[in-house]
Structure formats: C-alpha cells, structure tokens
Amino acid sequence: MSEISITTGQLNTIVKKLGGELSMGTATPPQVVVWKTIKLRMFRSARRYCRAIKKAGMEIDGYGQSSVLPRTEISRIEMEVDIVMLSVAELGLREYSLYKDICDRGVEIGLELCPVEVCLVLCLAYKDQPSNKNFYIATGDVIDRHGHKVVFWVKNGHGIYGHLTSLYSHDTLFAFIRPRS
C-alpha cells in the first residue's frame, strides 16, 4: 500500500465539496505552561527503556516497537526538558487538522518537536495517567520500516502505541518541548 501525500489546501477543497469545512485557525498563540519536566537519558538505549516499560507493567505495541526501537536516538547527555501539552484548538487550529500542520504550528509559536525518546520517558513518568487523558507526542516525521509516517501516543498507564498519521480533532492533546531561555 502506498502513502498518499495531500496538502491542507487540497484536503480543504475535498472537505468543502463534501459539505464540511476544514481551515487553519487564526487564534493567537496560547499561553504555554509547563506540564511536566522530564529527564532525558534515563537509560542509554531504547531497548533499556523498553525493558523498564515492560517491567512497570506497560507495553509498547507491535507497531510502536517496530518503529521505536530501531530509530530512537537517545540523548548523548543527561538533561531536563520542559513538556507542554496543548490541544489542536489551543494551537489555533480547527477540527480535523493534519499532523504536519499541528507540528508546524507548534514550531511556529516557538515550541520544539520532541525526540522519540520523550515518548519512552513520558510513558515511565506518567504511570498515574487518567484513563481519559491519552495524548500524542509531536515528534515530526518518524518513518516506520515500511516508509509510512508514524505518530506515537501514550495511553493511560498502558504504554506507547504507534499508528499512521491522520487527521486530529480540536480536543486532541499533543506534547511539545518548551525551550528554556
């Protein structure tokens, strides 16, 4: 199966023809508050992170495993990063936004995309995650072994899951890094 590449403008045209509306919002950037501060390089390899996740009673699904393990670069130095959590609406985008637009908007308002290591750390750091607080990690382009773009989400204390990128509703949460001054 090959991946279809489509721009927001092309998608907007299709959605309008179907009687809906898809548009980029014009809201001003949100006040960005740190949600969690996490430490990168808790472990020296993705495999060690995965063992710790499994030992904690969580999992990385098969799709996440095949995408995470071979491609995760671990920070060379131990450092703390500030994580912010914003919904698609808080980013100033409207319902059914493309993953690329979400990542681009985060960068546009001064945030940074997360390295994949953040997925692993947040899975371990947020074990008490409420069942209704699943969230995605804004990592930019992560390509699986089949050449498909993948996005990762952390599910309420169960682990990390990966799936192909798609459209996301206005209330979907994404984690970004807030740069330190």
Protein backbone atom coordinates (compact mmCIF):
# COMPACT_ATOMS: atom_id res chain seq x y z
CA MET A 1 0.00 0.00 0.00
CA SER A 2 1.49 3.37 -0.95
CA GLU A 3 1.07 6.56 1.04
CA ILE A 4 -0.91 9.42 -0.45
CA SER A 5 0.52 12.88 0.11
CA ILE A 6 -2.02 15.70 0.30
CA THR A 7 -1.74 19.34 1.33
CA THR A 8 -4.11 21.12 3.68
CA GLY A 9 -5.41 23.17 0.75
CA GLN A 10 -6.21 20.05 -1.25
CA LEU A 11 -7.89 18.45 1.75
CA ASN A 12 -9.88 21.63 2.41
CA THR A 13 -11.17 21.54 -1.20
CA ILE A 14 -12.28 17.91 -0.78
CA VAL A 15 -13.95 18.59 2.58
CA LYS A 16 -15.80 21.64 1.17
CA LYS A 17 -17.09 19.55 -1.74
CA LEU A 18 -18.45 17.10 0.81
CA GLY A 19 -20.27 19.95 2.58
CA GLY A 20 -17.88 20.50 5.50
CA GLU A 21 -15.17 22.97 6.39
CA LEU A 22 -11.54 22.49 7.25
CA SER A 23 -9.47 25.55 7.90
CA MET A 24 -6.44 26.73 9.75
CA GLY A 25 -7.43 28.87 12.69
CA THR A 26 -6.09 32.33 13.27
CA ALA A 27 -6.05 32.28 17.05
CA THR A 28 -3.10 33.89 18.77
CA PRO A 29 -0.54 31.56 20.36
CA PRO A 30 -1.69 30.15 23.69
CA GLN A 31 -0.05 30.91 26.98
CA VAL A 32 2.29 27.97 27.22
CA VAL A 33 2.60 26.48 30.70
CA VAL A 34 4.97 23.65 31.55
CA TRP A 35 3.02 20.45 32.19
CA LYS A 36 5.94 18.22 33.22
CA THR A 37 9.69 18.48 33.39
CA ILE A 38 11.35 15.21 32.41
CA LYS A 39 14.91 13.96 32.28
CA LEU A 40 16.31 12.57 29.04
CA ARG A 41 18.96 9.85 29.05
CA MET A 42 17.44 7.94 31.95
CA PHE A 43 18.73 4.88 30.07
CA ARG A 44 21.43 4.56 27.44
CA SER A 45 19.41 2.69 24.82
CA ALA A 46 15.86 2.33 23.56
CA ARG A 47 15.98 -1.36 24.47
CA ARG A 48 16.66 -0.48 28.12
CA TYR A 49 13.76 1.96 28.14
CA CYS A 50 11.53 -0.76 26.67
CA ARG A 51 12.63 -3.24 29.35
CA ALA A 52 11.81 -0.67 32.06
CA ILE A 53 8.39 -0.02 30.49
CA LYS A 54 7.66 -3.76 30.39
CA LYS A 55 8.89 -4.19 33.98
CA ALA A 56 6.49 -1.41 35.04
CA GLY A 57 3.61 -3.48 33.61
CA MET A 58 3.14 -1.43 30.46
CA GLU A 59 3.78 -2.15 26.81
CA ILE A 60 4.84 -0.73 23.51
CA ASP A 61 2.55 -2.15 20.86
CA GLY A 62 3.99 -4.08 17.94
CA TYR A 63 3.71 -1.14 15.58
CA GLY A 64 5.36 1.15 18.10
CA GLN A 65 8.07 -1.46 18.75
CA SER A 66 8.95 -1.81 15.09
CA SER A 67 9.09 1.97 14.73
CA VAL A 68 10.58 2.98 18.09
CA LEU A 69 13.39 0.55 18.75
CA PRO A 70 15.39 0.74 15.55
CA ARG A 71 15.03 4.51 15.17
CA THR A 72 15.24 6.02 18.63
CA GLU A 73 18.27 8.14 19.29
CA ILE A 74 18.99 8.59 22.97
CA SER A 75 20.27 11.94 24.17
CA ARG A 76 24.05 11.95 24.49
CA ILE A 77 23.86 13.89 27.75
CA GLU A 78 21.50 13.75 30.69
CA MET A 79 19.27 16.82 30.57
CA GLU A 80 15.89 18.08 31.64
CA VAL A 81 13.29 19.30 29.16
CA ASP A 82 10.01 21.08 29.80
CA ILE A 83 6.97 19.43 28.25
CA VAL A 84 3.84 21.39 27.38
CA MET A 85 0.52 19.84 26.47
CA LEU A 86 -1.73 21.67 24.01
CA SER A 87 -4.88 20.70 22.19
CA VAL A 88 -5.29 21.21 18.47
CA ALA A 89 -7.71 24.07 19.29
CA GLU A 90 -5.21 25.70 21.69
CA LEU A 91 -2.68 25.67 18.87
CA GLY A 92 -5.15 27.80 16.91
CA LEU A 93 -6.14 25.06 14.51
CA ARG A 94 -9.64 23.86 13.76
CA GLU A 95 -11.12 20.40 13.88
CA TYR A 96 -9.62 17.75 11.64
CA SER A 97 -6.13 19.14 11.36
CA LEU A 98 -3.31 17.23 9.73
CA TYR A 99 -0.44 16.01 11.92
CA LYS A 100 2.04 18.02 9.82
CA ASP A 101 0.01 21.21 10.41
CA ILE A 102 -0.07 20.51 14.16
CA CYS A 103 3.70 20.07 14.30
CA ASP A 104 4.28 23.11 12.08
CA ARG A 105 2.02 25.29 14.24
CA GLY A 106 3.81 24.23 17.43
CA VAL A 107 7.15 25.23 15.91
CA GLU A 108 5.64 28.46 14.56
CA ILE A 109 4.65 29.57 18.08
CA GLY A 110 8.12 28.81 19.46
CA LEU A 111 7.85 25.20 20.67
CA GLU A 112 10.14 22.34 19.70
CA LEU A 113 9.28 18.91 18.39
CA CYS A 114 10.07 16.06 20.76
CA PRO A 115 12.70 13.44 20.09
CA VAL A 116 11.17 9.95 20.16
CA GLU A 117 12.95 9.38 23.50
CA VAL A 118 10.33 11.69 25.06
CA CYS A 119 7.67 9.02 24.31
CA LEU A 120 9.62 6.49 26.34
CA VAL A 121 10.30 8.85 29.25
CA LEU A 122 6.70 10.09 29.46
CA CYS A 123 5.41 6.53 29.46
CA LEU A 124 7.50 5.85 32.57
CA ALA A 125 6.97 9.28 34.18
CA TYR A 126 3.17 9.35 33.91
CA LYS A 127 2.08 5.95 35.23
CA ASP A 128 -0.89 7.52 37.04
CA GLN A 129 -2.30 8.92 33.81
CA PRO A 130 -6.12 9.18 33.99
CA SER A 131 -7.97 6.95 31.54
CA ASN A 132 -9.41 9.93 29.67
CA LYS A 133 -6.05 11.69 29.20
CA ASN A 134 -4.42 9.93 26.27
CA PHE A 135 -2.11 12.18 24.30
CA TYR A 136 0.12 12.24 21.24
CA ILE A 137 3.77 13.22 21.06
CA ALA A 138 4.69 15.83 18.44
CA THR A 139 7.83 14.23 17.03
CA GLY A 140 7.64 15.42 13.44
CA ASP A 141 8.38 12.91 10.72
CA VAL A 142 9.05 9.44 12.09
CA ILE A 143 9.09 6.86 9.33
CA ASP A 144 8.41 3.18 10.00
CA ARG A 145 10.25 0.34 8.30
CA HIS A 146 7.67 0.37 5.50
CA GLY A 147 8.17 4.07 4.73
CA HIS A 148 4.94 5.27 6.42
CA LYS A 149 4.78 8.30 8.71
CA VAL A 150 4.02 7.32 12.30
CA VAL A 151 2.74 9.23 15.32
CA PHE A 152 3.05 7.94 18.89
CA TRP A 153 0.55 8.25 21.71
CA VAL A 154 0.79 7.43 25.39
CA LYS A 155 -2.26 5.61 26.69
CA ASN A 156 -3.35 5.89 30.34
CA GLY A 157 -0.71 3.81 32.04
CA HIS A 158 -0.82 1.06 29.41
CA GLY A 159 2.14 2.14 27.32
CA ILE A 160 3.06 3.59 23.96
CA TYR A 161 1.17 2.97 20.75
CA GLY A 162 2.08 3.90 17.21
CA HIS A 163 -0.13 4.39 14.19
CA LEU A 164 -0.13 6.08 10.83
CA THR A 165 -0.67 9.82 10.90
CA SER A 166 -4.17 11.05 10.13
CA LEU A 167 -6.50 13.92 10.98
CA TYR A 168 -6.93 15.02 14.60
CA SER A 169 -9.93 16.69 16.22
CA HIS A 170 -9.77 20.02 18.05
CA ASP A 171 -9.65 18.43 21.52
CA THR A 172 -6.76 16.03 20.79
CA LEU A 173 -3.74 16.73 23.01
CA PHE A 174 -0.14 16.94 21.77
CA ALA A 175 3.08 17.17 23.78
CA PHE A 176 5.82 19.57 22.68
CA ILE A 177 9.03 20.81 24.29
CA ARG A 178 9.09 24.40 25.54
CA PRO A 179 12.59 25.76 25.03
CA ARG A 180 14.33 27.18 28.07
CA SER A 181 15.53 30.77 27.89
